[in-house]
Amino acid sequence: MTVTVPTSAAMVRRPAVLIGLIGEGVTPSLTPPMHELEGARHSMNYVYRTIDLGRGDNTPEYVSQLLWSARRMGFTGLNITHPIKQAVIKHLDELAPSARTVGAVNTVVFDGERMTGHNTDVTGFGAAFDDAFGIVAHGRVVLVGAGGAGAAVASALAARQVRELVIVDVERERAEGLAASVRPAAHGQVSTAALDELPGWLQDADGVVNATPWGMAAHPGTAFDLELLTPNMFVADIVYRPAETALLEGAKARGCRTMSGLGMAMHQAADAFEIFTGESADRRAMLADLETLVADEAAGHPAHVAPMRGTN
């Protein structure tokens, strides 16, 4: 007896995509539902899983084992976050320019036996910055925070028409190290300052970017005194949970143009989606998804992925 297996165009054309997110405390991340919703719009069997690192799991041996296991199990790629964005580099075969410039990787793609690292934090912030403030020349821009996120932001700002980029950090040496790394590619001058010098630098600044954890639910408050803001400034925050941080609320009250962290979070996820799949992401829809996910989380509703109409 011949058994006929029913097929459909949808079944044939839907590729399987398996992605993972590796890092500490990633289980509550909104990145998986954001990716899966976009995959559903493309009629893909898109599955995104979190791999939460425990204490001591960031050793070179363990990172190497994770990459080997993911490749053997058929993962399409991985997103990488704290604390192994830099540790993962030595295990990769190739770095895209975005990762090479900033010295950190947040996206890994498997291509046969080869592993290539990318950094969509850089491109994500750059796209969000252009969306919010336009592709125009800027005078002095002050960046507060020179950690991992600050490195991506500094790299993106240095690639834009910024006359002077001032990097401020509680650790002056860290700010100086970041300035040295982005200075060769910068269109303008790159300076550094200690946190107590911030008031003087903000006096004539066109804008300021917060790349510190201040503003997150676990770090309420602001990295600096809001009285330093003036109405002619733009103010950007990379924090997106909550979307309206104390910094942005204070900036809006003073008449500043603002940019929340939602745009960067969406664009970096969209860039990663395109790297993983080769398909163009619907960025407007992804931003709407993220806004809904953040709002639901704030209301106490867990993130979930509902099937899209027309898909199984």
C-alpha atoms as a PDB file:
ATOM      1  CA  MET A   1       0.000   0.000   0.000  1.00  0.00           C
ATOM      2  CA  THR A   2       1.275   3.410  -0.922  1.00  0.00           C
ATOM      3  CA  VAL A   3       1.007   6.055   1.756  1.00  0.00           C
ATOM      4  CA  THR A   4       0.531   9.567   0.471  1.00  0.00           C
ATOM      5  CA  VAL A   5       1.940  12.257   2.742  1.00  0.00           C
ATOM      6  CA  PRO A   6       0.004  15.512   2.364  1.00  0.00           C
ATOM      7  CA  THR A   7       2.100  18.510   1.477  1.00  0.00           C
ATOM      8  CA  SER A   8       1.418  22.150   1.009  1.00  0.00           C
ATOM      9  CA  ALA A   9       3.307  25.112  -0.324  1.00  0.00           C
ATOM     10  CA  ALA A  10       3.538  26.448   3.222  1.00  0.00           C
ATOM     11  CA  MET A  11       5.109  23.208   4.497  1.00  0.00           C
ATOM     12  CA  VAL A  12       7.650  23.134   1.707  1.00  0.00           C
ATOM     13  CA  ARG A  13       8.748  26.746   1.855  1.00  0.00           C
ATOM     14  CA  ARG A  14       9.033  27.205   5.607  1.00  0.00           C
ATOM     15  CA  PRO A  15      12.712  26.896   6.585  1.00  0.00           C
ATOM     16  CA  ALA A  16      13.735  25.751  10.048  1.00  0.00           C
ATOM     17  CA  VAL A  17      15.767  28.246  12.073  1.00  0.00           C
ATOM     18  CA  LEU A  18      17.158  27.416  15.527  1.00  0.00           C
ATOM     19  CA  ILE A  19      18.746  30.272  17.490  1.00  0.00           C
ATOM     20  CA  GLY A  20      20.082  30.515  21.034  1.00  0.00           C
ATOM     21  CA  LEU A  21      20.929  33.324  23.447  1.00  0.00           C
ATOM     22  CA  ILE A  22      23.874  32.675  25.777  1.00  0.00           C
ATOM     23  CA  GLY A  23      24.570  34.813  28.833  1.00  0.00           C
ATOM     24  CA  GLU A  24      23.886  35.398  32.497  1.00  0.00           C
ATOM     25  CA  GLY A  25      20.297  36.030  33.528  1.00  0.00           C
ATOM     26  CA  VAL A  26      18.918  35.743  29.992  1.00  0.00           C
ATOM     27  CA  THR A  27      15.848  33.625  30.758  1.00  0.00           C
ATOM     28  CA  PRO A  28      13.506  36.676  31.043  1.00  0.00           C
ATOM     29  CA  SER A  29      14.897  38.262  27.851  1.00  0.00           C
ATOM     30  CA  LEU A  30      12.395  39.689  25.363  1.00  0.00           C
ATOM     31  CA  THR A  31      14.705  38.883  22.449  1.00  0.00           C
ATOM     32  CA  PRO A  32      13.344  35.333  21.904  1.00  0.00           C
ATOM     33  CA  PRO A  33       9.676  36.356  21.442  1.00  0.00           C
ATOM     34  CA  MET A  34      10.707  39.302  19.278  1.00  0.00           C
ATOM     35  CA  HIS A  35      12.655  36.985  16.942  1.00  0.00           C
ATOM     36  CA  GLU A  36       9.983  34.289  16.898  1.00  0.00           C
ATOM     37  CA  LEU A  37       7.230  36.770  16.033  1.00  0.00           C
ATOM     38  CA  GLU A  38       9.299  38.052  13.121  1.00  0.00           C
ATOM     39  CA  GLY A  39      10.044  34.497  12.017  1.00  0.00           C
ATOM     40  CA  ALA A  40       6.311  33.743  12.011  1.00  0.00           C
ATOM     41  CA  ARG A  41       5.714  36.762   9.754  1.00  0.00           C
ATOM     42  CA  HIS A  42       8.152  35.164   7.306  1.00  0.00           C
ATOM     43  CA  SER A  43       6.398  31.765   7.575  1.00  0.00           C
ATOM     44  CA  MET A  44       9.483  30.235   9.151  1.00  0.00           C
ATOM     45  CA  ASN A  45       9.772  27.489  11.719  1.00  0.00           C
ATOM     46  CA  TYR A  46      11.752  29.858  13.907  1.00  0.00           C
ATOM     47  CA  VAL A  47      12.716  28.645  17.372  1.00  0.00           C
ATOM     48  CA  TYR A  48      14.719  30.780  19.813  1.00  0.00           C
ATOM     49  CA  ARG A  49      16.000  29.362  23.108  1.00  0.00           C
ATOM     50  CA  THR A  50      17.890  30.873  26.047  1.00  0.00           C
ATOM     51  CA  ILE A  51      21.015  29.306  27.538  1.00  0.00           C
ATOM     52  CA  ASP A  52      21.519  30.821  30.989  1.00  0.00           C
ATOM     53  CA  LEU A  53      25.089  30.727  32.268  1.00  0.00           C
ATOM     54  CA  GLY A  54      25.710  29.899  35.892  1.00  0.00           C
ATOM     55  CA  ARG A  55      28.486  31.190  38.099  1.00  0.00           C
ATOM     56  CA  GLY A  56      31.824  30.114  36.675  1.00  0.00           C
ATOM     57  CA  ASP A  57      30.396  29.061  33.306  1.00  0.00           C
ATOM     58  CA  ASN A  58      32.358  31.717  31.396  1.00  0.00           C
ATOM     59  CA  THR A  59      35.647  29.798  31.298  1.00  0.00           C
ATOM     60  CA  PRO A  60      37.300  29.354  27.864  1.00  0.00           C
ATOM     61  CA  GLU A  61      36.737  25.605  28.039  1.00  0.00           C
ATOM     62  CA  TYR A  62      33.034  25.939  28.785  1.00  0.00           C
ATOM     63  CA  VAL A  63      32.480  28.602  26.107  1.00  0.00           C
ATOM     64  CA  SER A  64      34.232  26.386  23.556  1.00  0.00           C
ATOM     65  CA  GLN A  65      32.059  23.438  24.570  1.00  0.00           C
ATOM     66  CA  LEU A  66      28.873  25.509  24.233  1.00  0.00           C
ATOM     67  CA  LEU A  67      29.792  26.606  20.714  1.00  0.00           C
ATOM     68  CA  TRP A  68      30.718  23.059  19.688  1.00  0.00           C
ATOM     69  CA  SER A  69      27.482  21.659  21.135  1.00  0.00           C
ATOM     70  CA  ALA A  70      25.295  24.304  19.466  1.00  0.00           C
ATOM     71  CA  ARG A  71      26.888  23.635  16.093  1.00  0.00           C
ATOM     72  CA  ARG A  72      26.532  19.861  16.467  1.00  0.00           C
ATOM     73  CA  MET A  73      22.865  20.212  17.475  1.00  0.00           C
ATOM     74  CA  GLY A  74      22.075  22.162  14.311  1.00  0.00           C
ATOM     75  CA  PHE A  75      21.747  25.703  15.624  1.00  0.00           C
ATOM     76  CA  THR A  76      21.673  28.330  12.879  1.00  0.00           C
ATOM     77  CA  GLY A  77      23.397  30.830  15.121  1.00  0.00           C
ATOM     78  CA  LEU A  78      23.640  32.361  18.567  1.00  0.00           C
ATOM     79  CA  ASN A  79      23.240  35.712  20.222  1.00  0.00           C
ATOM     80  CA  ILE A  80      25.878  36.378  22.870  1.00  0.00           C
ATOM     81  CA  THR A  81      25.613  38.684  25.858  1.00  0.00           C
ATOM     82  CA  HIS A  82      27.321  39.402  29.191  1.00  0.00           C
ATOM     83  CA  PRO A  83      29.755  38.078  30.322  1.00  0.00           C
ATOM     84  CA  ILE A  84      31.206  36.362  27.222  1.00  0.00           C
ATOM     85  CA  LYS A  85      30.948  38.975  24.432  1.00  0.00           C
ATOM     86  CA  GLN A  86      34.735  39.234  24.409  1.00  0.00           C
ATOM     87  CA  ALA A  87      35.625  35.743  25.638  1.00  0.00           C
ATOM     88  CA  VAL A  88      33.870  34.154  22.662  1.00  0.00           C
ATOM     89  CA  ILE A  89      36.132  35.866  20.110  1.00  0.00           C
ATOM     90  CA  LYS A  90      39.116  33.520  20.470  1.00  0.00           C
ATOM     91  CA  HIS A  91      36.894  30.567  19.504  1.00  0.00           C
ATOM     92  CA  LEU A  92      35.625  32.059  16.230  1.00  0.00           C
ATOM     93  CA  ASP A  93      37.046  31.715  12.737  1.00  0.00           C
ATOM     94  CA  GLU A  94      36.200  35.194  11.492  1.00  0.00           C
ATOM     95  CA  LEU A  95      34.978  38.601  12.708  1.00  0.00           C
ATOM     96  CA  ALA A  96      32.759  40.964  10.766  1.00  0.00           C
ATOM     97  CA  PRO A  97      33.962  44.611  10.713  1.00  0.00           C
ATOM     98  CA  SER A  98      31.400  45.637  13.355  1.00  0.00           C
ATOM     99  CA  ALA A  99      32.778  43.091  15.842  1.00  0.00           C
ATOM    100  CA  ARG A 100      36.410  43.726  14.952  1.00  0.00           C
ATOM    101  CA  THR A 101      36.052  47.460  15.543  1.00  0.00           C
ATOM    102  CA  VAL A 102      34.452  47.218  18.971  1.00  0.00           C
ATOM    103  CA  GLY A 103      36.270  44.086  20.130  1.00  0.00           C
ATOM    104  CA  ALA A 104      33.095  42.295  21.182  1.00  0.00           C
ATOM    105  CA  VAL A 105      30.628  39.855  19.618  1.00  0.00           C
ATOM    106  CA  ASN A 106      26.887  39.565  20.206  1.00  0.00           C
ATOM    107  CA  THR A 107      25.940  37.456  17.177  1.00  0.00           C
ATOM    108  CA  VAL A 108      27.536  34.229  15.933  1.00  0.00           C
ATOM    109  CA  VAL A 109      26.586  32.499  12.687  1.00  0.00           C
ATOM    110  CA  PHE A 110      27.402  28.866  11.895  1.00  0.00           C
ATOM    111  CA  ASP A 111      28.334  28.139   8.286  1.00  0.00           C
ATOM    112  CA  GLY A 112      29.432  24.527   8.071  1.00  0.00           C
ATOM    113  CA  GLU A 113      32.525  24.291  10.239  1.00  0.00           C
ATOM    114  CA  ARG A 114      33.109  28.056  10.267  1.00  0.00           C
ATOM    115  CA  MET A 115      31.862  30.462  12.935  1.00  0.00           C
ATOM    116  CA  THR A 116      31.639  34.186  12.211  1.00  0.00           C
ATOM    117  CA  GLY A 117      31.103  36.853  14.861  1.00  0.00           C
ATOM    118  CA  HIS A 118      29.151  40.087  14.368  1.00  0.00           C
ATOM    119  CA  ASN A 119      28.187  42.985  16.625  1.00  0.00           C
ATOM    120  CA  THR A 120      24.672  44.283  16.012  1.00  0.00           C
ATOM    121  CA  ASP A 121      24.792  46.503  19.117  1.00  0.00           C
ATOM    122  CA  VAL A 122      26.916  48.891  17.031  1.00  0.00           C
ATOM    123  CA  THR A 123      24.662  48.861  13.987  1.00  0.00           C
ATOM    124  CA  GLY A 124      21.530  48.774  16.157  1.00  0.00           C
ATOM    125  CA  PHE A 125      22.406  51.917  18.082  1.00  0.00           C
ATOM    126  CA  GLY A 126      23.543  53.672  14.912  1.00  0.00           C
ATOM    127  CA  ALA A 127      20.261  53.003  13.121  1.00  0.00           C
ATOM    128  CA  ALA A 128      18.191  54.049  16.139  1.00  0.00           C
ATOM    129  CA  PHE A 129      20.257  57.226  16.537  1.00  0.00           C
ATOM    130  CA  ASP A 130      19.715  58.143  12.877  1.00  0.00           C
ATOM    131  CA  ASP A 131      15.986  57.435  13.184  1.00  0.00           C
ATOM    132  CA  ALA A 132      15.675  59.682  16.225  1.00  0.00           C
ATOM    133  CA  PHE A 133      17.966  62.577  15.388  1.00  0.00           C
ATOM    134  CA  GLY A 134      18.570  62.404  11.648  1.00  0.00           C
ATOM    135  CA  ILE A 135      21.626  61.790   9.493  1.00  0.00           C
ATOM    136  CA  VAL A 136      23.066  65.246  10.125  1.00  0.00           C
ATOM    137  CA  ALA A 137      26.195  66.804  11.579  1.00  0.00           C
ATOM    138  CA  HIS A 138      26.373  67.041  15.364  1.00  0.00           C
ATOM    139  CA  GLY A 139      28.637  69.172  17.529  1.00  0.00           C
ATOM    140  CA  ARG A 140      29.684  67.843  20.911  1.00  0.00           C
ATOM    141  CA  VAL A 141      28.093  64.559  22.025  1.00  0.00           C
ATOM    142  CA  VAL A 142      28.748  63.300  25.543  1.00  0.00           C
ATOM    143  CA  LEU A 143      28.653  59.547  26.157  1.00  0.00           C
ATOM    144  CA  VAL A 144      28.233  58.489  29.785  1.00  0.00           C
ATOM    145  CA  GLY A 145      29.451  54.927  30.324  1.00  0.00           C
ATOM    146  CA  ALA A 146      32.446  53.174  28.753  1.00  0.00           C
ATOM    147  CA  GLY A 147      31.553  49.558  29.479  1.00  0.00           C
ATOM    148  CA  GLY A 148      30.459  46.937  26.951  1.00  0.00           C
ATOM    149  CA  ALA A 149      27.369  48.852  25.843  1.00  0.00           C
ATOM    150  CA  GLY A 150      29.297  52.107  25.846  1.00  0.00           C
ATOM    151  CA  ALA A 151      31.905  50.598  23.524  1.00  0.00           C
ATOM    152  CA  ALA A 152      29.226  49.795  20.944  1.00  0.00           C
ATOM    153  CA  VAL A 153      27.670  53.259  21.258  1.00  0.00           C
ATOM    154  CA  ALA A 154      31.066  54.974  20.984  1.00  0.00           C
ATOM    155  CA  SER A 155      31.888  53.010  17.849  1.00  0.00           C
ATOM    156  CA  ALA A 156      28.570  53.983  16.246  1.00  0.00           C
ATOM    157  CA  LEU A 157      28.915  57.663  17.197  1.00  0.00           C
ATOM    158  CA  ALA A 158      32.518  57.811  15.974  1.00  0.00           C
ATOM    159  CA  ALA A 159      31.342  56.650  12.545  1.00  0.00           C
ATOM    160  CA  ARG A 160      28.897  59.581  12.340  1.00  0.00           C
ATOM    161  CA  GLN A 161      29.366  63.279  11.758  1.00  0.00           C
ATOM    162  CA  VAL A 162      30.123  64.151  15.368  1.00  0.00           C
ATOM    163  CA  ARG A 163      32.531  67.056  15.788  1.00  0.00           C
ATOM    164  CA  GLU A 164      33.574  66.018  19.287  1.00  0.00           C
ATOM    165  CA  LEU A 165      32.782  62.809  21.172  1.00  0.00           C
ATOM    166  CA  VAL A 166      33.409  63.010  24.906  1.00  0.00           C
ATOM    167  CA  ILE A 167      33.510  59.672  26.744  1.00  0.00           C
ATOM    168  CA  VAL A 168      32.794  59.905  30.482  1.00  0.00           C
ATOM    169  CA  ASP A 169      33.132  57.062  32.967  1.00  0.00           C
ATOM    170  CA  VAL A 170      33.615  56.531  36.691  1.00  0.00           C
ATOM    171  CA  GLU A 171      36.869  54.791  35.688  1.00  0.00           C
ATOM    172  CA  ARG A 172      38.907  57.332  33.731  1.00  0.00           C
ATOM    173  CA  GLU A 173      41.285  54.651  32.450  1.00  0.00           C
ATOM    174  CA  ARG A 174      38.399  52.703  30.933  1.00  0.00           C
ATOM    175  CA  ALA A 175      37.178  55.833  29.163  1.00  0.00           C
ATOM    176  CA  GLU A 176      40.675  56.493  27.836  1.00  0.00           C
ATOM    177  CA  GLY A 177      41.003  52.931  26.584  1.00  0.00           C
ATOM    178  CA  LEU A 178      37.703  53.161  24.717  1.00  0.00           C
ATOM    179  CA  ALA A 179      38.641  56.548  23.260  1.00  0.00           C
ATOM    180  CA  ALA A 180      41.910  55.131  21.954  1.00  0.00           C
ATOM    181  CA  SER A 181      40.095  52.244  20.268  1.00  0.00           C
ATOM    182  CA  VAL A 182      37.550  54.416  18.383  1.00  0.00           C
ATOM    183  CA  ARG A 183      39.762  57.445  17.683  1.00  0.00           C
ATOM    184  CA  PRO A 184      41.350  56.071  14.454  1.00  0.00           C
ATOM    185  CA  ALA A 185      37.932  55.706  12.776  1.00  0.00           C
ATOM    186  CA  ALA A 186      36.349  58.854  14.226  1.00  0.00           C
ATOM    187  CA  HIS A 187      35.243  61.732  11.993  1.00  0.00           C
ATOM    188  CA  GLY A 188      35.942  64.255  14.759  1.00  0.00           C
ATOM    189  CA  GLN A 189      37.820  64.671  18.008  1.00  0.00           C
ATOM    190  CA  VAL A 190      37.480  62.083  20.786  1.00  0.00           C
ATOM    191  CA  SER A 191      38.042  63.235  24.378  1.00  0.00           C
ATOM    192  CA  THR A 192      37.621  61.668  27.811  1.00  0.00           C
ATOM    193  CA  ALA A 193      36.491  62.947  31.197  1.00  0.00           C
ATOM    194  CA  ALA A 194      35.874  61.769  34.718  1.00  0.00           C
ATOM    195  CA  LEU A 195      32.313  61.757  36.018  1.00  0.00           C
ATOM    196  CA  ASP A 196      32.895  64.802  38.241  1.00  0.00           C
ATOM    197  CA  GLU A 197      33.927  66.759  35.135  1.00  0.00           C
ATOM    198  CA  LEU A 198      30.617  66.069  33.378  1.00  0.00           C
ATOM    199  CA  PRO A 199      28.915  69.404  34.231  1.00  0.00           C
ATOM    200  CA  GLY A 200      31.537  71.395  32.349  1.00  0.00           C
ATOM    201  CA  TRP A 201      31.365  69.183  29.264  1.00  0.00           C
ATOM    202  CA  LEU A 202      27.571  69.317  29.125  1.00  0.00           C
ATOM    203  CA  GLN A 203      27.433  73.116  29.097  1.00  0.00           C
ATOM    204  CA  ASP A 204      27.962  73.375  25.344  1.00  0.00           C
ATOM    205  CA  ALA A 205      26.933  69.870  24.320  1.00  0.00           C
ATOM    206  CA  ASP A 206      24.485  69.103  21.517  1.00  0.00           C
ATOM    207  CA  GLY A 207      23.469  65.875  23.180  1.00  0.00           C
ATOM    208  CA  VAL A 208      24.157  63.203  25.768  1.00  0.00           C
ATOM    209  CA  VAL A 209      23.819  59.402  25.655  1.00  0.00           C
ATOM    210  CA  ASN A 210      23.396  57.194  28.719  1.00  0.00           C
ATOM    211  CA  ALA A 211      25.154  53.848  28.280  1.00  0.00           C
ATOM    212  CA  THR A 212      25.163  52.920  31.959  1.00  0.00           C
ATOM    213  CA  PRO A 213      22.724  50.597  33.790  1.00  0.00           C
ATOM    214  CA  TRP A 214      21.163  53.610  35.563  1.00  0.00           C
ATOM    215  CA  GLY A 215      17.471  53.708  34.763  1.00  0.00           C
ATOM    216  CA  MET A 216      16.932  49.943  34.697  1.00  0.00           C
ATOM    217  CA  ALA A 217      14.493  48.435  37.187  1.00  0.00           C
ATOM    218  CA  ALA A 218      17.419  47.084  39.199  1.00  0.00           C
ATOM    219  CA  HIS A 219      19.259  50.432  39.034  1.00  0.00           C
ATOM    220  CA  PRO A 220      16.636  53.162  39.456  1.00  0.00           C
ATOM    221  CA  GLY A 221      17.672  56.773  39.122  1.00  0.00           C
ATOM    222  CA  THR A 222      19.997  58.609  36.757  1.00  0.00           C
ATOM    223  CA  ALA A 223      23.728  58.605  36.112  1.00  0.00           C
ATOM    224  CA  PHE A 224      23.939  62.390  36.541  1.00  0.00           C
ATOM    225  CA  ASP A 225      21.985  65.404  37.761  1.00  0.00           C
ATOM    226  CA  LEU A 226      19.060  66.224  35.464  1.00  0.00           C
ATOM    227  CA  GLU A 227      19.577  69.928  36.170  1.00  0.00           C
ATOM    228  CA  LEU A 228      22.536  69.729  33.772  1.00  0.00           C
ATOM    229  CA  LEU A 229      20.161  69.232  30.819  1.00  0.00           C
ATOM    230  CA  THR A 230      19.151  72.177  28.637  1.00  0.00           C
ATOM    231  CA  PRO A 231      16.239  72.382  26.144  1.00  0.00           C
ATOM    232  CA  ASN A 232      18.512  72.543  23.095  1.00  0.00           C
ATOM    233  CA  MET A 233      20.013  69.092  23.806  1.00  0.00           C
ATOM    234  CA  PHE A 234      19.046  65.686  22.580  1.00  0.00           C
ATOM    235  CA  VAL A 235      19.078  62.925  25.191  1.00  0.00           C
ATOM    236  CA  ALA A 236      19.390  59.215  24.336  1.00  0.00           C
ATOM    237  CA  ASP A 237      19.142  56.231  26.661  1.00  0.00           C
ATOM    238  CA  ILE A 238      20.027  52.646  25.752  1.00  0.00           C
ATOM    239  CA  VAL A 239      17.884  51.255  28.600  1.00  0.00           C
ATOM    240  CA  TYR A 240      14.570  49.914  27.279  1.00  0.00           C
ATOM    241  CA  ARG A 241      13.086  48.160  30.313  1.00  0.00           C
ATOM    242  CA  PRO A 242      11.457  50.470  31.289  1.00  0.00           C
ATOM    243  CA  ALA A 243      11.201  52.391  28.044  1.00  0.00           C
ATOM    244  CA  GLU A 244      10.569  55.667  29.869  1.00  0.00           C
ATOM    245  CA  THR A 245      13.504  56.000  32.248  1.00  0.00           C
ATOM    246  CA  ALA A 246      13.897  58.737  34.824  1.00  0.00           C
ATOM    247  CA  LEU A 247      16.466  60.339  32.512  1.00  0.00           C
ATOM    248  CA  LEU A 248      14.055  60.509  29.594  1.00  0.00           C
ATOM    249  CA  GLU A 249      11.177  61.726  31.726  1.00  0.00           C
ATOM    250  CA  GLY A 250      13.359  64.505  33.091  1.00  0.00           C
ATOM    251  CA  ALA A 251      14.682  65.365  29.630  1.00  0.00           C
ATOM    252  CA  LYS A 252      11.186  65.641  28.161  1.00  0.00           C
ATOM    253  CA  ALA A 253      10.131  67.884  31.047  1.00  0.00           C
ATOM    254  CA  ARG A 254      13.007  70.199  30.087  1.00  0.00           C
ATOM    255  CA  GLY A 255      12.045  70.255  26.405  1.00  0.00           C
ATOM    256  CA  CYS A 256      14.819  68.005  25.113  1.00  0.00           C
ATOM    257  CA  ARG A 257      14.488  65.715  22.120  1.00  0.00           C
ATOM    258  CA  THR A 258      14.742  62.135  23.354  1.00  0.00           C
ATOM    259  CA  MET A 259      15.479  58.607  22.204  1.00  0.00           C
ATOM    260  CA  SER A 260      14.556  55.555  24.265  1.00  0.00           C
ATOM    261  CA  GLY A 261      16.387  52.240  24.190  1.00  0.00           C
ATOM    262  CA  LEU A 262      13.552  50.562  22.292  1.00  0.00           C
ATOM    263  CA  GLY A 263      14.941  51.569  18.899  1.00  0.00           C
ATOM    264  CA  MET A 264      18.384  50.142  19.590  1.00  0.00           C
ATOM    265  CA  ALA A 265      16.917  46.909  20.988  1.00  0.00           C
ATOM    266  CA  MET A 266      14.711  46.491  17.930  1.00  0.00           C
ATOM    267  CA  HIS A 267      17.390  47.336  15.346  1.00  0.00           C
ATOM    268  CA  GLN A 268      20.023  45.065  16.888  1.00  0.00           C
ATOM    269  CA  ALA A 269      17.497  42.215  16.919  1.00  0.00           C
ATOM    270  CA  ALA A 270      16.438  42.988  13.350  1.00  0.00           C
ATOM    271  CA  ASP A 271      20.062  43.068  12.197  1.00  0.00           C
ATOM    272  CA  ALA A 272      20.696  39.707  13.864  1.00  0.00           C
ATOM    273  CA  PHE A 273      17.523  38.262  12.306  1.00  0.00           C
ATOM    274  CA  GLU A 274      18.725  39.321   8.849  1.00  0.00           C
ATOM    275  CA  ILE A 275      22.187  37.864   9.461  1.00  0.00           C
ATOM    276  CA  PHE A 276      20.688  34.559  10.614  1.00  0.00           C
ATOM    277  CA  THR A 277      18.094  34.204   7.857  1.00  0.00           C
ATOM    278  CA  GLY A 278      19.130  36.353   4.890  1.00  0.00           C
ATOM    279  CA  GLU A 279      15.607  37.818   4.928  1.00  0.00           C
ATOM    280  CA  SER A 280      14.702  41.494   5.400  1.00  0.00           C
ATOM    281  CA  ALA A 281      13.187  42.198   8.798  1.00  0.00           C
ATOM    282  CA  ASP A 282       9.973  44.191   9.146  1.00  0.00           C
ATOM    283  CA  ARG A 283      11.422  46.753  11.526  1.00  0.00           C
ATOM    284  CA  ARG A 284       8.219  48.689  12.050  1.00  0.00           C
ATOM    285  CA  ALA A 285       6.401  45.503  13.058  1.00  0.00           C
ATOM    286  CA  MET A 286       9.303  44.394  15.277  1.00  0.00           C
ATOM    287  CA  LEU A 287       9.229  47.732  17.104  1.00  0.00           C
ATOM    288  CA  ALA A 288       5.481  47.376  17.643  1.00  0.00           C
ATOM    289  CA  ASP A 289       6.061  43.842  18.970  1.00  0.00           C
ATOM    290  CA  LEU A 290       8.726  45.075  21.375  1.00  0.00           C
ATOM    291  CA  GLU A 291       6.562  47.923  22.627  1.00  0.00           C
ATOM    292  CA  THR A 292       3.774  45.429  23.321  1.00  0.00           C
ATOM    293  CA  LEU A 293       6.142  42.997  25.050  1.00  0.00           C
ATOM    294  CA  VAL A 294       7.564  45.733  27.288  1.00  0.00           C
ATOM    295  CA  ALA A 295       4.074  47.029  28.119  1.00  0.00           C
ATOM    296  CA  ASP A 296       2.828  43.509  28.904  1.00  0.00           C
ATOM    297  CA  GLU A 297       5.829  42.870  31.119  1.00  0.00           C
ATOM    298  CA  ALA A 298       5.233  46.122  32.998  1.00  0.00           C
ATOM    299  CA  ALA A 299       1.605  45.063  33.499  1.00  0.00           C
ATOM    300  CA  GLY A 300       2.712  41.720  34.904  1.00  0.00           C
ATOM    301  CA  HIS A 301       1.844  39.592  31.867  1.00  0.00           C
ATOM    302  CA  PRO A 302       4.464  37.029  30.755  1.00  0.00           C
ATOM    303  CA  ALA A 303       5.885  37.257  27.255  1.00  0.00           C
ATOM    304  CA  HIS A 304       4.501  34.688  24.858  1.00  0.00           C
ATOM    305  CA  VAL A 305       4.430  34.112  21.145  1.00  0.00           C
ATOM    306  CA  ALA A 306       1.048  33.722  19.513  1.00  0.00           C
ATOM    307  CA  PRO A 307       0.885  32.045  16.103  1.00  0.00           C
ATOM    308  CA  MET A 308       0.466  34.440  13.209  1.00  0.00           C
ATOM    309  CA  ARG A 309      -2.617  34.195  11.048  1.00  0.00           C
ATOM    310  CA  GLY A 310      -2.115  31.937   8.095  1.00  0.00           C
ATOM    311  CA  THR A 311       0.586  29.841   9.776  1.00  0.00           C
ATOM    312  CA  ASN A 312       0.466  26.584  11.688  1.00  0.00           C
END
